[in-house]
Amino acid sequence: MADAKKAFDEGDAVFVDVRSAESFNNERVKGALNIGIGDIDANLSKLPKDKKIVVYCSCGAEHSSLAWVAKANQKGINNAYALIGGTAAWMDAGYPAEKQKPAQ
């Protein structure tokens, strides 16, 4: 988690949220992209080769994140890493996030 935060602060990472659009719209790492595992091919141009790609989901075991990283590796993307603890750990740490404002 500390490595991911350091990369975020230094601008050396792109964060990819693999959750549903609804979950992504509710809360996410600030500046994250929403790219599901089935959408990797269509979004290859958005994924940098010169920065870390930090992938996260909302499950504590990181199943979705790890599957995304594995598929990205098959596509020749070798700079992707799963964020341990996912969304909850990032939010609980008070790191930069964007949240949907409640309806008024």
Protein backbone atom coordinates (compact mmCIF):
# COMPACT_ATOMS: atom_id res chain seq x y z
CA MET A 1 0.00 0.00 0.00
CA ALA A 2 2.80 2.43 0.87
CA ASP A 3 4.49 1.79 -2.49
CA ALA A 4 1.23 2.51 -4.32
CA LYS A 5 0.72 5.75 -2.39
CA LYS A 6 4.30 6.83 -3.10
CA ALA A 7 3.83 6.13 -6.83
CA PHE A 8 0.53 8.07 -6.71
CA ASP A 9 2.19 11.06 -5.04
CA GLU A 10 5.09 11.05 -7.51
CA GLY A 11 2.84 10.67 -10.56
CA ASP A 12 4.52 7.37 -11.39
CA ALA A 13 1.34 5.29 -11.51
CA VAL A 14 -2.00 4.98 -13.20
CA PHE A 15 -4.71 3.42 -11.05
CA VAL A 16 -7.20 1.06 -12.66
CA ASP A 17 -10.47 0.22 -10.93
CA VAL A 18 -11.80 -3.14 -12.14
CA ARG A 19 -15.14 -2.89 -10.33
CA SER A 20 -18.52 -2.18 -11.91
CA ALA A 21 -19.24 1.28 -13.28
CA GLU A 22 -21.73 1.80 -10.46
CA SER A 23 -19.15 1.03 -7.76
CA PHE A 24 -16.55 3.13 -9.58
CA ASN A 25 -18.96 6.08 -9.76
CA ASN A 26 -19.71 5.83 -6.03
CA GLU A 27 -16.07 6.02 -4.89
CA ARG A 28 -12.65 5.51 -6.40
CA VAL A 29 -8.99 6.37 -6.13
CA LYS A 30 -8.59 9.95 -7.34
CA GLY A 31 -7.95 9.97 -11.09
CA ALA A 32 -8.49 6.23 -11.54
CA LEU A 33 -9.61 4.67 -14.80
CA ASN A 34 -12.48 2.16 -14.83
CA ILE A 35 -11.37 -0.76 -17.00
CA GLY A 36 -12.89 -4.17 -16.38
CA ILE A 37 -11.10 -7.37 -17.31
CA GLY A 38 -13.21 -7.72 -20.44
CA ASP A 39 -12.28 -4.22 -21.56
CA ILE A 40 -8.48 -4.46 -21.51
CA ASP A 41 -8.13 -4.87 -25.29
CA ALA A 42 -10.29 -1.84 -26.03
CA ASN A 43 -8.30 0.30 -23.60
CA LEU A 44 -4.71 -0.71 -24.31
CA SER A 45 -3.90 2.80 -25.54
CA LYS A 46 -4.84 4.23 -22.13
CA LEU A 47 -2.35 2.02 -20.30
CA PRO A 48 1.13 3.51 -19.96
CA LYS A 49 4.27 1.50 -20.54
CA ASP A 50 6.46 3.89 -18.54
CA LYS A 51 4.48 3.96 -15.28
CA LYS A 52 3.15 1.41 -12.81
CA ILE A 53 -0.40 0.29 -13.37
CA VAL A 54 -1.97 -0.23 -9.95
CA VAL A 55 -5.09 -2.37 -10.22
CA TYR A 56 -7.69 -2.57 -7.48
CA CYS A 57 -11.08 -4.03 -6.70
CA SER A 58 -13.23 -4.19 -3.59
CA CYS A 59 -12.55 -7.78 -2.56
CA GLY A 60 -10.01 -8.29 0.21
CA ALA A 61 -8.48 -11.28 -1.55
CA GLU A 62 -7.84 -9.27 -4.72
CA HIS A 63 -9.26 -12.00 -7.00
CA SER A 64 -10.49 -9.55 -9.64
CA SER A 65 -7.32 -7.46 -9.50
CA LEU A 66 -5.05 -10.48 -9.82
CA ALA A 67 -7.08 -11.86 -12.73
CA TRP A 68 -6.82 -8.46 -14.47
CA VAL A 69 -3.04 -8.38 -13.94
CA ALA A 70 -2.71 -11.93 -15.30
CA LYS A 71 -4.72 -11.06 -18.42
CA ALA A 72 -2.71 -7.86 -18.90
CA ASN A 73 0.50 -9.91 -18.68
CA GLN A 74 -0.82 -12.13 -21.49
CA LYS A 75 -1.24 -8.95 -23.56
CA GLY A 76 2.38 -7.96 -22.95
CA ILE A 77 1.65 -5.49 -20.15
CA ASN A 78 4.21 -6.30 -17.50
CA ASN A 79 3.98 -3.18 -15.34
CA ALA A 80 0.63 -3.95 -13.64
CA TYR A 81 0.30 -4.77 -9.95
CA ALA A 82 -2.66 -5.60 -7.69
CA LEU A 83 -3.28 -3.21 -4.79
CA ILE A 84 -3.39 -5.26 -1.61
CA GLY A 85 -6.48 -4.35 0.39
CA GLY A 86 -8.23 -2.76 -2.58
CA THR A 87 -10.63 0.14 -2.33
CA ALA A 88 -11.34 -0.30 1.37
CA ALA A 89 -7.68 -0.12 2.40
CA TRP A 90 -7.09 2.98 0.26
CA MET A 91 -10.17 4.75 1.66
CA ASP A 92 -9.48 3.65 5.25
CA ALA A 93 -5.98 5.12 4.97
CA GLY A 94 -7.52 8.46 4.01
CA TYR A 95 -5.64 8.57 0.70
CA PRO A 96 -6.88 10.77 -2.19
CA ALA A 97 -10.27 9.62 -3.40
CA GLU A 98 -13.28 10.81 -5.29
CA LYS A 99 -16.77 10.08 -4.01
CA GLN A 100 -20.14 10.67 -5.54
CA LYS A 101 -22.03 13.42 -3.76
CA PRO A 102 -25.26 12.28 -2.14
CA ALA A 103 -28.46 13.25 -3.96
CA GLN A 104 -30.18 16.26 -2.45
